Amino acid sequence: MKSVDDVEAPTAPEAVWAVFVGLPSGAATDAKSPHFVGQLALFGSGIRDEKHHAYKPAHFTYPISRALQASLRANNVRIEVTFVPLGLIVNGKPAKPEVKAPVRIGKANLFVETATEGK
């Protein structure tokens, strides 16, 4: 599992990001990729000027086992996390992404679970 914490923006960024782990250079950035692990979207939490809720940074957790396995099979020495901005869906079609506020990720964590024999 991979998590990102203390994710925040001063105002609504009005964009969503597809998150990829170990995406090879030049590879397609679509949800069918084994490197796609989820999306990052700020709605309410993480937005400092949000008036409807008490302010709280956002937290996201992603299952990355499949993406790590694909990267290790490709003998990648370095495994990067890639955030690709996506446009909002307008009339059934994705609009060109326009990020209207910077998003800051305070920290990232990697949790590794190992299987032990007999358990």
PDB file of N, CA and C in Angstrom:
ATOM      1  N   MET A   1       0.842  -1.181   0.000  1.00  0.00           N
ATOM      2  CA  MET A   1       0.000   0.000   0.000  1.00  0.00           C
ATOM      3  C   MET A   1       0.886   1.243   0.000  1.00  0.00           C
ATOM      4  N   LYS A   2       0.406   2.230  -0.659  1.00  0.00           N
ATOM      5  CA  LYS A   2       1.068   3.525  -0.721  1.00  0.00           C
ATOM      6  C   LYS A   2       0.055   4.540  -0.246  1.00  0.00           C
ATOM      7  N   SER A   3       0.466   5.467   0.580  1.00  0.00           N
ATOM      8  CA  SER A   3      -0.456   6.518   0.994  1.00  0.00           C
ATOM      9  C   SER A   3       0.214   7.873   0.826  1.00  0.00           C
ATOM     10  N   VAL A   4      -0.613   8.867   0.578  1.00  0.00           N
ATOM     11  CA  VAL A   4      -0.159  10.252   0.557  1.00  0.00           C
ATOM     12  C   VAL A   4      -1.001  10.990   1.590  1.00  0.00           C
ATOM     13  N   ASP A   5      -0.313  11.801   2.383  1.00  0.00           N
ATOM     14  CA  ASP A   5      -0.961  12.502   3.491  1.00  0.00           C
ATOM     15  C   ASP A   5      -0.716  13.995   3.404  1.00  0.00           C
ATOM     16  N   ASP A   6      -1.506  14.712   4.183  1.00  0.00           N
ATOM     17  CA  ASP A   6      -1.402  16.167   4.252  1.00  0.00           C
ATOM     18  C   ASP A   6      -1.491  16.774   2.859  1.00  0.00           C
ATOM     19  N   VAL A   7      -2.473  16.293   2.081  1.00  0.00           N
ATOM     20  CA  VAL A   7      -2.705  16.795   0.723  1.00  0.00           C
ATOM     21  C   VAL A   7      -3.627  18.000   0.842  1.00  0.00           C
ATOM     22  N   GLU A   8      -3.197  19.116   0.251  1.00  0.00           N
ATOM     23  CA  GLU A   8      -3.999  20.327   0.389  1.00  0.00           C
ATOM     24  C   GLU A   8      -3.799  21.290  -0.772  1.00  0.00           C
ATOM     25  N   ALA A   9      -4.805  22.147  -0.937  1.00  0.00           N
ATOM     26  CA  ALA A   9      -4.774  23.213  -1.935  1.00  0.00           C
ATOM     27  C   ALA A   9      -5.433  24.435  -1.306  1.00  0.00           C
ATOM     28  N   PRO A  10      -5.023  25.643  -1.709  1.00  0.00           N
ATOM     29  CA  PRO A  10      -5.631  26.836  -1.123  1.00  0.00           C
ATOM     30  C   PRO A  10      -7.098  26.997  -1.518  1.00  0.00           C
ATOM     31  N   THR A  11      -7.427  26.625  -2.750  1.00  0.00           N
ATOM     32  CA  THR A  11      -8.801  26.671  -3.259  1.00  0.00           C
ATOM     33  C   THR A  11      -9.029  25.394  -4.067  1.00  0.00           C
ATOM     34  N   ALA A  12     -10.246  25.166  -4.500  1.00  0.00           N
ATOM     35  CA  ALA A  12     -10.556  23.965  -5.281  1.00  0.00           C
ATOM     36  C   ALA A  12      -9.731  23.952  -6.567  1.00  0.00           C
ATOM     37  N   PRO A  13      -8.941  22.900  -6.798  1.00  0.00           N
ATOM     38  CA  PRO A  13      -8.123  22.851  -8.007  1.00  0.00           C
ATOM     39  C   PRO A  13      -8.921  22.570  -9.272  1.00  0.00           C
ATOM     40  N   GLU A  14     -10.156  22.091  -9.114  1.00  0.00           N
ATOM     41  CA  GLU A  14     -11.046  21.789 -10.234  1.00  0.00           C
ATOM     42  C   GLU A  14     -10.421  20.837 -11.241  1.00  0.00           C
ATOM     43  N   ALA A  15      -9.650  19.885 -10.723  1.00  0.00           N
ATOM     44  CA  ALA A  15      -9.050  18.842 -11.547  1.00  0.00           C
ATOM     45  C   ALA A  15      -8.959  17.577 -10.709  1.00  0.00           C
ATOM     46  N   VAL A  16      -8.786  16.485 -11.388  1.00  0.00           N
ATOM     47  CA  VAL A  16      -8.595  15.174 -10.787  1.00  0.00           C
ATOM     48  C   VAL A  16      -7.318  14.619 -11.398  1.00  0.00           C
ATOM     49  N   TRP A  17      -6.571  13.839 -10.646  1.00  0.00           N
ATOM     50  CA  TRP A  17      -5.329  13.257 -11.156  1.00  0.00           C
ATOM     51  C   TRP A  17      -5.419  11.742 -11.161  1.00  0.00           C
ATOM     52  N   ALA A  18      -5.005  11.129 -12.266  1.00  0.00           N
ATOM     53  CA  ALA A  18      -4.823   9.679 -12.314  1.00  0.00           C
ATOM     54  C   ALA A  18      -3.451   9.421 -11.705  1.00  0.00           C
ATOM     55  N   VAL A  19      -3.356   8.380 -10.872  1.00  0.00           N
ATOM     56  CA  VAL A  19      -2.106   8.078 -10.173  1.00  0.00           C
ATOM     57  C   VAL A  19      -1.545   6.761 -10.709  1.00  0.00           C
ATOM     58  N   PHE A  20      -0.274   6.803 -11.104  1.00  0.00           N
ATOM     59  CA  PHE A  20       0.414   5.632 -11.656  1.00  0.00           C
ATOM     60  C   PHE A  20       1.683   5.376 -10.848  1.00  0.00           C
ATOM     61  N   VAL A  21       1.998   4.112 -10.652  1.00  0.00           N
ATOM     62  CA  VAL A  21       3.230   3.723  -9.964  1.00  0.00           C
ATOM     63  C   VAL A  21       4.069   2.899 -10.933  1.00  0.00           C
ATOM     64  N   GLY A  22       5.295   3.352 -11.169  1.00  0.00           N
ATOM     65  CA  GLY A  22       6.203   2.631 -12.053  1.00  0.00           C
ATOM     66  C   GLY A  22       5.839   2.694 -13.518  1.00  0.00           C
ATOM     67  N   LEU A  23       5.155   3.728 -13.927  1.00  0.00           N
ATOM     68  CA  LEU A  23       4.731   3.867 -15.327  1.00  0.00           C
ATOM     69  C   LEU A  23       5.957   4.026 -16.223  1.00  0.00           C
ATOM     70  N   PRO A  24       6.131   3.121 -17.211  1.00  0.00           N
ATOM     71  CA  PRO A  24       7.290   3.247 -18.105  1.00  0.00           C
ATOM     72  C   PRO A  24       7.195   4.514 -18.957  1.00  0.00           C
ATOM     73  N   SER A  25       8.326   5.053 -19.319  1.00  0.00           N
ATOM     74  CA  SER A  25       8.379   6.237 -20.169  1.00  0.00           C
ATOM     75  C   SER A  25       7.664   5.957 -21.482  1.00  0.00           C
ATOM     76  N   GLY A  26       6.771   6.844 -21.879  1.00  0.00           N
ATOM     77  CA  GLY A  26       6.048   6.713 -23.142  1.00  0.00           C
ATOM     78  C   GLY A  26       4.842   5.791 -23.089  1.00  0.00           C
ATOM     79  N   ALA A  27       4.578   5.165 -21.941  1.00  0.00           N
ATOM     80  CA  ALA A  27       3.430   4.249 -21.831  1.00  0.00           C
ATOM     81  C   ALA A  27       2.121   5.026 -21.790  1.00  0.00           C
ATOM     82  N   ALA A  28       1.056   4.371 -22.223  1.00  0.00           N
ATOM     83  CA  ALA A  28      -0.280   4.988 -22.201  1.00  0.00           C
ATOM     84  C   ALA A  28      -0.705   5.242 -20.754  1.00  0.00           C
ATOM     85  N   THR A  29      -1.353   6.367 -20.552  1.00  0.00           N
ATOM     86  CA  THR A  29      -1.833   6.720 -19.212  1.00  0.00           C
ATOM     87  C   THR A  29      -3.336   6.516 -19.153  1.00  0.00           C
ATOM     88  N   ASP A  30      -3.742   5.252 -19.111  1.00  0.00           N
ATOM     89  CA  ASP A  30      -5.167   4.979 -18.974  1.00  0.00           C
ATOM     90  C   ASP A  30      -5.401   4.003 -17.825  1.00  0.00           C
ATOM     91  N   ALA A  31      -6.633   3.915 -17.400  1.00  0.00           N
ATOM     92  CA  ALA A  31      -6.997   3.114 -16.239  1.00  0.00           C
ATOM     93  C   ALA A  31      -6.798   1.613 -16.458  1.00  0.00           C
ATOM     94  N   LYS A  32      -6.599   1.173 -17.683  1.00  0.00           N
ATOM     95  CA  LYS A  32      -6.380  -0.250 -17.950  1.00  0.00           C
ATOM     96  C   LYS A  32      -4.925  -0.657 -17.728  1.00  0.00           C
ATOM     97  N   SER A  33      -4.047   0.306 -17.550  1.00  0.00           N
ATOM     98  CA  SER A  33      -2.632   0.028 -17.326  1.00  0.00           C
ATOM     99  C   SER A  33      -2.446  -0.683 -15.985  1.00  0.00           C
ATOM    100  N   PRO A  34      -1.535  -1.664 -15.924  1.00  0.00           N
ATOM    101  CA  PRO A  34      -1.258  -2.292 -14.636  1.00  0.00           C
ATOM    102  C   PRO A  34      -0.591  -1.319 -13.655  1.00  0.00           C
ATOM    103  N   HIS A  35      -0.146  -0.170 -14.154  1.00  0.00           N
ATOM    104  CA  HIS A  35       0.509   0.827 -13.311  1.00  0.00           C
ATOM    105  C   HIS A  35      -0.476   1.838 -12.725  1.00  0.00           C
ATOM    106  N   PHE A  36      -1.723   1.799 -13.175  1.00  0.00           N
ATOM    107  CA  PHE A  36      -2.748   2.701 -12.639  1.00  0.00           C
ATOM    108  C   PHE A  36      -3.176   2.201 -11.264  1.00  0.00           C
ATOM    109  N   VAL A  37      -3.127   3.073 -10.249  1.00  0.00           N
ATOM    110  CA  VAL A  37      -3.495   2.661  -8.890  1.00  0.00           C
ATOM    111  C   VAL A  37      -4.699   3.404  -8.334  1.00  0.00           C
ATOM    112  N   GLY A  38      -5.163   4.453  -9.002  1.00  0.00           N
ATOM    113  CA  GLY A  38      -6.337   5.175  -8.518  1.00  0.00           C
ATOM    114  C   GLY A  38      -6.306   6.629  -8.932  1.00  0.00           C
ATOM    115  N   GLN A  39      -7.139   7.421  -8.259  1.00  0.00           N
ATOM    116  CA  GLN A  39      -7.222   8.849  -8.570  1.00  0.00           C
ATOM    117  C   GLN A  39      -7.044   9.670  -7.308  1.00  0.00           C
ATOM    118  N   LEU A  40      -6.621  10.890  -7.495  1.00  0.00           N
ATOM    119  CA  LEU A  40      -6.527  11.857  -6.419  1.00  0.00           C
ATOM    120  C   LEU A  40      -7.473  12.991  -6.776  1.00  0.00           C
ATOM    121  N   ALA A  41      -8.437  13.249  -5.892  1.00  0.00           N
ATOM    122  CA  ALA A  41      -9.411  14.318  -6.128  1.00  0.00           C
ATOM    123  C   ALA A  41      -9.720  14.993  -4.797  1.00  0.00           C
ATOM    124  N   LEU A  42      -9.636  16.301  -4.784  1.00  0.00           N
ATOM    125  CA  LEU A  42      -9.944  17.046  -3.573  1.00  0.00           C
ATOM    126  C   LEU A  42     -11.355  17.614  -3.674  1.00  0.00           C
ATOM    127  N   PHE A  43     -12.200  17.162  -2.777  1.00  0.00           N
ATOM    128  CA  PHE A  43     -13.568  17.674  -2.678  1.00  0.00           C
ATOM    129  C   PHE A  43     -13.863  17.847  -1.198  1.00  0.00           C
ATOM    130  N   GLY A  44     -13.841  19.070  -0.710  1.00  0.00           N
ATOM    131  CA  GLY A  44     -14.091  19.301   0.713  1.00  0.00           C
ATOM    132  C   GLY A  44     -12.804  19.235   1.513  1.00  0.00           C
ATOM    133  N   SER A  45     -12.407  18.043   1.955  1.00  0.00           N
ATOM    134  CA  SER A  45     -11.181  17.957   2.749  1.00  0.00           C
ATOM    135  C   SER A  45      -9.981  18.261   1.863  1.00  0.00           C
ATOM    136  N   GLY A  46      -9.018  18.935   2.449  1.00  0.00           N
ATOM    137  CA  GLY A  46      -7.813  19.299   1.711  1.00  0.00           C
ATOM    138  C   GLY A  46      -7.876  20.665   1.050  1.00  0.00           C
ATOM    139  N   ILE A  47      -9.036  21.281   1.033  1.00  0.00           N
ATOM    140  CA  ILE A  47      -9.182  22.598   0.408  1.00  0.00           C
ATOM    141  C   ILE A  47      -9.295  23.632   1.530  1.00  0.00           C
ATOM    142  N   ARG A  48      -8.279  24.479   1.653  1.00  0.00           N
ATOM    143  CA  ARG A  48      -8.211  25.388   2.802  1.00  0.00           C
ATOM    144  C   ARG A  48      -9.352  26.395   2.870  1.00  0.00           C
ATOM    145  N   ASP A  49      -9.867  26.858   1.736  1.00  0.00           N
ATOM    146  CA  ASP A  49     -10.934  27.862   1.816  1.00  0.00           C
ATOM    147  C   ASP A  49     -12.338  27.245   1.787  1.00  0.00           C
ATOM    148  N   GLU A  50     -12.446  25.936   1.935  1.00  0.00           N
ATOM    149  CA  GLU A  50     -13.751  25.263   1.930  1.00  0.00           C
ATOM    150  C   GLU A  50     -14.553  25.726   3.146  1.00  0.00           C
ATOM    151  N   LYS A  51     -15.705  26.289   2.915  1.00  0.00           N
ATOM    152  CA  LYS A  51     -16.511  26.877   3.990  1.00  0.00           C
ATOM    153  C   LYS A  51     -17.467  25.873   4.651  1.00  0.00           C
ATOM    154  N   HIS A  52     -17.767  24.763   3.978  1.00  0.00           N
ATOM    155  CA  HIS A  52     -18.777  23.835   4.489  1.00  0.00           C
ATOM    156  C   HIS A  52     -18.266  22.898   5.570  1.00  0.00           C
ATOM    157  N   HIS A  53     -16.973  22.756   5.707  1.00  0.00           N
ATOM    158  CA  HIS A  53     -16.389  21.814   6.656  1.00  0.00           C
ATOM    159  C   HIS A  53     -15.245  22.485   7.404  1.00  0.00           C
ATOM    160  N   ALA A  54     -14.957  21.962   8.586  1.00  0.00           N
ATOM    161  CA  ALA A  54     -13.749  22.410   9.275  1.00  0.00           C
ATOM    162  C   ALA A  54     -12.566  21.908   8.446  1.00  0.00           C
ATOM    163  N   TYR A  55     -11.541  22.735   8.308  1.00  0.00           N
ATOM    164  CA  TYR A  55     -10.415  22.371   7.450  1.00  0.00           C
ATOM    165  C   TYR A  55      -9.679  21.157   7.996  1.00  0.00           C
ATOM    166  N   LYS A  56      -9.380  20.239   7.081  1.00  0.00           N
ATOM    167  CA  LYS A  56      -8.600  19.047   7.412  1.00  0.00           C
ATOM    168  C   LYS A  56      -7.873  18.614   6.147  1.00  0.00           C
ATOM    169  N   PRO A  57      -6.544  18.387   6.217  1.00  0.00           N
ATOM    170  CA  PRO A  57      -5.828  17.909   5.027  1.00  0.00           C
ATOM    171  C   PRO A  57      -6.384  16.553   4.580  1.00  0.00           C
ATOM    172  N   ALA A  58      -6.260  16.263   3.309  1.00  0.00           N
ATOM    173  CA  ALA A  58      -6.779  15.005   2.759  1.00  0.00           C
ATOM    174  C   ALA A  58      -5.744  13.887   2.882  1.00  0.00           C
ATOM    175  N   HIS A  59      -6.236  12.673   2.840  1.00  0.00           N
ATOM    176  CA  HIS A  59      -5.408  11.466   2.921  1.00  0.00           C
ATOM    177  C   HIS A  59      -5.911  10.488   1.861  1.00  0.00           C
ATOM    178  N   PHE A  60      -4.985   9.856   1.135  1.00  0.00           N
ATOM    179  CA  PHE A  60      -5.351   8.875   0.112  1.00  0.00           C
ATOM    180  C   PHE A  60      -4.485   7.633   0.284  1.00  0.00           C
ATOM    181  N   THR A  61      -5.075   6.468   0.069  1.00  0.00           N
ATOM    182  CA  THR A  61      -4.351   5.203   0.121  1.00  0.00           C
ATOM    183  C   THR A  61      -4.584   4.467  -1.187  1.00  0.00           C
ATOM    184  N   TYR A  62      -3.518   3.909  -1.729  1.00  0.00           N
ATOM    185  CA  TYR A  62      -3.590   3.218  -3.018  1.00  0.00           C
ATOM    186  C   TYR A  62      -3.022   1.805  -2.904  1.00  0.00           C
ATOM    187  N   PRO A  63      -3.709   0.820  -3.480  1.00  0.00           N
ATOM    188  CA  PRO A  63      -3.147  -0.531  -3.543  1.00  0.00           C
ATOM    189  C   PRO A  63      -2.140  -0.583  -4.690  1.00  0.00           C
ATOM    190  N   ILE A  64      -0.886  -0.849  -4.403  1.00  0.00           N
ATOM    191  CA  ILE A  64       0.134  -0.761  -5.448  1.00  0.00           C
ATOM    192  C   ILE A  64       0.781  -2.103  -5.787  1.00  0.00           C
ATOM    193  N   SER A  65       0.288  -3.203  -5.240  1.00  0.00           N
ATOM    194  CA  SER A  65       0.920  -4.513  -5.476  1.00  0.00           C
ATOM    195  C   SER A  65       1.045  -4.838  -6.960  1.00  0.00           C
ATOM    196  N   ARG A  66      -0.036  -4.685  -7.711  1.00  0.00           N
ATOM    197  CA  ARG A  66      -0.024  -5.014  -9.141  1.00  0.00           C
ATOM    198  C   ARG A  66       0.973  -4.135  -9.897  1.00  0.00           C
ATOM    199  N   ALA A  67       0.995  -2.847  -9.575  1.00  0.00           N
ATOM    200  CA  ALA A  67       1.922  -1.924 -10.246  1.00  0.00           C
ATOM    201  C   ALA A  67       3.374  -2.253  -9.892  1.00  0.00           C
ATOM    202  N   LEU A  68       3.639  -2.587  -8.641  1.00  0.00           N
ATOM    203  CA  LEU A  68       4.998  -2.952  -8.244  1.00  0.00           C
ATOM    204  C   LEU A  68       5.443  -4.234  -8.927  1.00  0.00           C
ATOM    205  N   GLN A  69       4.555  -5.210  -9.004  1.00  0.00           N
ATOM    206  CA  GLN A  69       4.891  -6.468  -9.675  1.00  0.00           C
ATOM    207  C   GLN A  69       5.246  -6.216 -11.142  1.00  0.00           C
ATOM    208  N   ALA A  70       4.459  -5.378 -11.825  1.00  0.00           N
ATOM    209  CA  ALA A  70       4.739  -5.067 -13.231  1.00  0.00           C
ATOM    210  C   ALA A  70       6.089  -4.366 -13.365  1.00  0.00           C
ATOM    211  N   SER A  71       6.407  -3.467 -12.446  1.00  0.00           N
ATOM    212  CA  SER A  71       7.686  -2.754 -12.489  1.00  0.00           C
ATOM    213  C   SER A  71       8.849  -3.690 -12.218  1.00  0.00           C
ATOM    214  N   LEU A  72       8.688  -4.585 -11.268  1.00  0.00           N
ATOM    215  CA  LEU A  72       9.764  -5.522 -10.941  1.00  0.00           C
ATOM    216  C   LEU A  72       9.996  -6.518 -12.075  1.00  0.00           C
ATOM    217  N   ARG A  73       8.915  -6.958 -12.737  1.00  0.00           N
ATOM    218  CA  ARG A  73       9.065  -7.856 -13.893  1.00  0.00           C
ATOM    219  C   ARG A  73       9.842  -7.178 -15.012  1.00  0.00           C
ATOM    220  N   ALA A  74       9.708  -5.855 -15.119  1.00  0.00           N
ATOM    221  CA  ALA A  74      10.418  -5.094 -16.154  1.00  0.00           C
ATOM    222  C   ALA A  74      11.826  -4.707 -15.696  1.00  0.00           C
ATOM    223  N   ASN A  75      12.230  -5.195 -14.522  1.00  0.00           N
ATOM    224  CA  ASN A  75      13.560  -4.912 -13.959  1.00  0.00           C
ATOM    225  C   ASN A  75      13.823  -3.430 -13.748  1.00  0.00           C
ATOM    226  N   ASN A  76      12.793  -2.678 -13.391  1.00  0.00           N
ATOM    227  CA  ASN A  76      12.986  -1.252 -13.121  1.00  0.00           C
ATOM    228  C   ASN A  76      13.778  -1.082 -11.832  1.00  0.00           C
ATOM    229  N   VAL A  77      14.800  -0.270 -11.899  1.00  0.00           N
ATOM    230  CA  VAL A  77      15.621   0.014 -10.728  1.00  0.00           C
ATOM    231  C   VAL A  77      14.978   1.124  -9.906  1.00  0.00           C
ATOM    232  N   ARG A  78      14.354   2.032 -10.598  1.00  0.00           N
ATOM    233  CA  ARG A  78      13.709   3.175  -9.960  1.00  0.00           C
ATOM    234  C   ARG A  78      12.221   3.125 -10.267  1.00  0.00           C
ATOM    235  N   ILE A  79      11.397   3.263  -9.242  1.00  0.00           N
ATOM    236  CA  ILE A  79       9.943   3.218  -9.432  1.00  0.00           C
ATOM    237  C   ILE A  79       9.372   4.574  -9.025  1.00  0.00           C
ATOM    238  N   GLU A  80       8.866   5.301 -10.010  1.00  0.00           N
ATOM    239  CA  GLU A  80       8.342   6.640  -9.770  1.00  0.00           C
ATOM    240  C   GLU A  80       6.823   6.617  -9.650  1.00  0.00           C
ATOM    241  N   VAL A  81       6.307   7.619  -8.958  1.00  0.00           N
ATOM    242  CA  VAL A  81       4.861   7.843  -8.869  1.00  0.00           C
ATOM    243  C   VAL A  81       4.549   9.006  -9.795  1.00  0.00           C
ATOM    244  N   THR A  82       3.580   8.806 -10.686  1.00  0.00           N
ATOM    245  CA  THR A  82       3.221   9.817 -11.686  1.00  0.00           C
ATOM    246  C   THR A  82       1.774  10.251 -11.482  1.00  0.00           C
ATOM    247  N   PHE A  83       1.545  11.558 -11.455  1.00  0.00           N
ATOM    248  CA  PHE A  83       0.211  12.124 -11.338  1.00  0.00           C
ATOM    249  C   PHE A  83      -0.124  12.792 -12.670  1.00  0.00           C
ATOM    250  N   VAL A  84      -1.197  12.350 -13.320  1.00  0.00           N
ATOM    251  CA  VAL A  84      -1.594  12.881 -14.625  1.00  0.00           C
ATOM    252  C   VAL A  84      -2.920  13.621 -14.455  1.00  0.00           C
ATOM    253  N   PRO A  85      -2.948  14.949 -14.707  1.00  0.00           N
ATOM    254  CA  PRO A  85      -4.208  15.681 -14.560  1.00  0.00           C
ATOM    255  C   PRO A  85      -5.226  15.235 -15.601  1.00  0.00           C
ATOM    256  N   LEU A  86      -6.456  15.095 -15.142  1.00  0.00           N
ATOM    257  CA  LEU A  86      -7.567  14.715 -16.012  1.00  0.00           C
ATOM    258  C   LEU A  86      -8.565  15.855 -16.048  1.00  0.00           C
ATOM    259  N   GLY A  87      -9.172  16.079 -17.188  1.00  0.00           N
ATOM    260  CA  GLY A  87     -10.218  17.085 -17.286  1.00  0.00           C
ATOM    261  C   GLY A  87     -11.525  16.541 -16.744  1.00  0.00           C
ATOM    262  N   LEU A  88     -12.375  17.433 -16.301  1.00  0.00           N
ATOM    263  CA  LEU A  88     -13.694  17.034 -15.843  1.00  0.00           C
ATOM    264  C   LEU A  88     -14.520  16.559 -17.037  1.00  0.00           C
ATOM    265  N   ILE A  89     -15.513  15.735 -16.798  1.00  0.00           N
ATOM    266  CA  ILE A  89     -16.389  15.233 -17.862  1.00  0.00           C
ATOM    267  C   ILE A  89     -17.493  16.260 -18.114  1.00  0.00           C
ATOM    268  N   VAL A  90     -17.572  16.757 -19.348  1.00  0.00           N
ATOM    269  CA  VAL A  90     -18.586  17.738 -19.744  1.00  0.00           C
ATOM    270  C   VAL A  90     -19.320  17.169 -20.949  1.00  0.00           C
ATOM    271  N   ASN A  91     -20.627  17.015 -20.830  1.00  0.00           N
ATOM    272  CA  ASN A  91     -21.445  16.433 -21.895  1.00  0.00           C
ATOM    273  C   ASN A  91     -20.918  15.067 -22.342  1.00  0.00           C
ATOM    274  N   GLY A  92     -20.460  14.269 -21.377  1.00  0.00           N
ATOM    275  CA  GLY A  92     -19.990  12.926 -21.668  1.00  0.00           C
ATOM    276  C   GLY A  92     -18.583  12.827 -22.229  1.00  0.00           C
ATOM    277  N   LYS A  93     -17.902  13.958 -22.364  1.00  0.00           N
ATOM    278  CA  LYS A  93     -16.547  13.951 -22.913  1.00  0.00           C
ATOM    279  C   LYS A  93     -15.589  14.624 -21.935  1.00  0.00           C
ATOM    280  N   PRO A  94     -14.361  14.111 -21.839  1.00  0.00           N
ATOM    281  CA  PRO A  94     -13.405  14.763 -20.944  1.00  0.00           C
ATOM    282  C   PRO A  94     -12.954  16.112 -21.507  1.00  0.00           C
ATOM    283  N   ALA A  95     -13.020  17.112 -20.661  1.00  0.00           N
ATOM    284  CA  ALA A  95     -12.547  18.445 -21.049  1.00  0.00           C
ATOM    285  C   ALA A  95     -11.036  18.508 -20.835  1.00  0.00           C
ATOM    286  N   LYS A  96     -10.393  19.462 -21.481  1.00  0.00           N
ATOM    287  CA  LYS A  96      -8.963  19.665 -21.289  1.00  0.00           C
ATOM    288  C   LYS A  96      -8.735  20.026 -19.821  1.00  0.00           C
ATOM    289  N   PRO A  97      -7.773  19.357 -19.171  1.00  0.00           N
ATOM    290  CA  PRO A  97      -7.557  19.662 -17.754  1.00  0.00           C
ATOM    291  C   PRO A  97      -7.031  21.076 -17.546  1.00  0.00           C
ATOM    292  N   GLU A  98      -7.635  21.773 -16.610  1.00  0.00           N
ATOM    293  CA  GLU A  98      -7.188  23.107 -16.218  1.00  0.00           C
ATOM    294  C   GLU A  98      -7.058  23.108 -14.708  1.00  0.00           C
ATOM    295  N   VAL A  99      -5.849  22.978 -14.221  1.00  0.00           N
ATOM    296  CA  VAL A  99      -5.610  22.976 -12.781  1.00  0.00           C
ATOM    297  C   VAL A  99      -5.641  24.427 -12.317  1.00  0.00           C
ATOM    298  N   LYS A 100      -6.602  24.746 -11.430  1.00  0.00           N
ATOM    299  CA  LYS A 100      -6.805  26.138 -11.034  1.00  0.00           C
ATOM    300  C   LYS A 100      -6.147  26.512  -9.715  1.00  0.00           C
ATOM    301  N   ALA A 101      -5.544  25.534  -9.034  1.00  0.00           N
ATOM    302  CA  ALA A 101      -4.824  25.827  -7.791  1.00  0.00           C
ATOM    303  C   ALA A 101      -3.752  24.760  -7.594  1.00  0.00           C
ATOM    304  N   PRO A 102      -2.618  25.147  -7.038  1.00  0.00           N
ATOM    305  CA  PRO A 102      -1.571  24.149  -6.789  1.00  0.00           C
ATOM    306  C   PRO A 102      -1.995  23.192  -5.673  1.00  0.00           C
ATOM    307  N   VAL A 103      -1.596  21.949  -5.808  1.00  0.00           N
ATOM    308  CA  VAL A 103      -1.880  20.937  -4.792  1.00  0.00           C
ATOM    309  C   VAL A 103      -0.553  20.512  -4.186  1.00  0.00           C
ATOM    310  N   ARG A 104      -0.508  20.466  -2.870  1.00  0.00           N
ATOM    311  CA  ARG A 104       0.711  20.092  -2.154  1.00  0.00           C
ATOM    312  C   ARG A 104       0.492  18.778  -1.430  1.00  0.00           C
ATOM    313  N   ILE A 105       1.445  17.862  -1.577  1.00  0.00           N
ATOM    314  CA  ILE A 105       1.422  16.600  -0.843  1.00  0.00           C
ATOM    315  C   ILE A 105       2.482  16.716   0.242  1.00  0.00           C
ATOM    316  N   GLY A 106       2.048  16.657   1.488  1.00  0.00           N
ATOM    317  CA  GLY A 106       2.966  16.837   2.610  1.00  0.00           C
ATOM    318  C   GLY A 106       3.893  15.663   2.821  1.00  0.00           C
ATOM    319  N   LYS A 107       3.379  14.439   2.666  1.00  0.00           N
ATOM    320  CA  LYS A 107       4.233  13.271   2.836  1.00  0.00           C
ATOM    321  C   LYS A 107       3.645  12.072   2.121  1.00  0.00           C
ATOM    322  N   ALA A 108       4.526  11.135   1.827  1.00  0.00           N
ATOM    323  CA  ALA A 108       4.122   9.883   1.182  1.00  0.00           C
ATOM    324  C   ALA A 108       4.706   8.734   1.994  1.00  0.00           C
ATOM    325  N   ASN A 109       3.964   7.647   2.081  1.00  0.00           N
ATOM    326  CA  ASN A 109       4.398   6.473   2.838  1.00  0.00           C
ATOM    327  C   ASN A 109       4.230   5.231   1.991  1.00  0.00           C
ATOM    328  N   LEU A 110       5.095   4.279   2.220  1.00  0.00           N
ATOM    329  CA  LEU A 110       5.000   2.986   1.563  1.00  0.00           C
ATOM    330  C   LEU A 110       4.924   1.932   2.658  1.00  0.00           C
ATOM    331  N   PHE A 111       3.881   1.113   2.611  1.00  0.00           N
ATOM    332  CA  PHE A 111       3.698   0.044   3.583  1.00  0.00           C
ATOM    333  C   PHE A 111       3.860  -1.283   2.871  1.00  0.00           C
ATOM    334  N   VAL A 112       4.745  -2.111   3.372  1.00  0.00           N
ATOM    335  CA  VAL A 112       4.987  -3.405   2.771  1.00  0.00           C
ATOM    336  C   VAL A 112       4.572  -4.493   3.753  1.00  0.00           C
ATOM    337  N   GLU A 113       3.686  -5.358   3.292  1.00  0.00           N
ATOM    338  CA  GLU A 113       3.274  -6.507   4.105  1.00  0.00           C
ATOM    339  C   GLU A 113       3.976  -7.723   3.557  1.00  0.00           C
ATOM    340  N   THR A 114       4.517  -8.532   4.432  1.00  0.00           N
ATOM    341  CA  THR A 114       5.177  -9.753   3.998  1.00  0.00           C
ATOM    342  C   THR A 114       4.442 -10.954   4.586  1.00  0.00           C
ATOM    343  N   ALA A 115       4.357 -11.998   3.809  1.00  0.00           N
ATOM    344  CA  ALA A 115       3.732 -13.226   4.279  1.00  0.00           C
ATOM    345  C   ALA A 115       4.774 -14.024   5.058  1.00  0.00           C
ATOM    346  N   THR A 116       4.346 -14.583   6.149  1.00  0.00           N
ATOM    347  CA  THR A 116       5.243 -15.442   6.903  1.00  0.00           C
ATOM    348  C   THR A 116       4.730 -16.866   6.837  1.00  0.00           C
ATOM    349  N   GLU A 117       5.639 -17.789   6.812  1.00  0.00           N
ATOM    350  CA  GLU A 117       5.280 -19.203   6.689  1.00  0.00           C
ATOM    351  C   GLU A 117       4.485 -19.631   7.909  1.00  0.00           C
ATOM    352  N   GLY A 118       3.399 -20.353   7.665  1.00  0.00           N
ATOM    353  CA  GLY A 118       2.571 -20.858   8.760  1.00  0.00           C
ATOM    354  C   GLY A 118       1.476 -19.917   9.192  1.00  0.00           C
ATOM    355  N   LYS A 119       1.349 -18.764   8.561  1.00  0.00           N
ATOM    356  CA  LYS A 119       0.288 -17.814   8.948  1.00  0.00           C
ATOM    357  C   LYS A 119      -0.640 -17.580   7.804  1.00  0.00           C
TER     358      LYS A 119
END
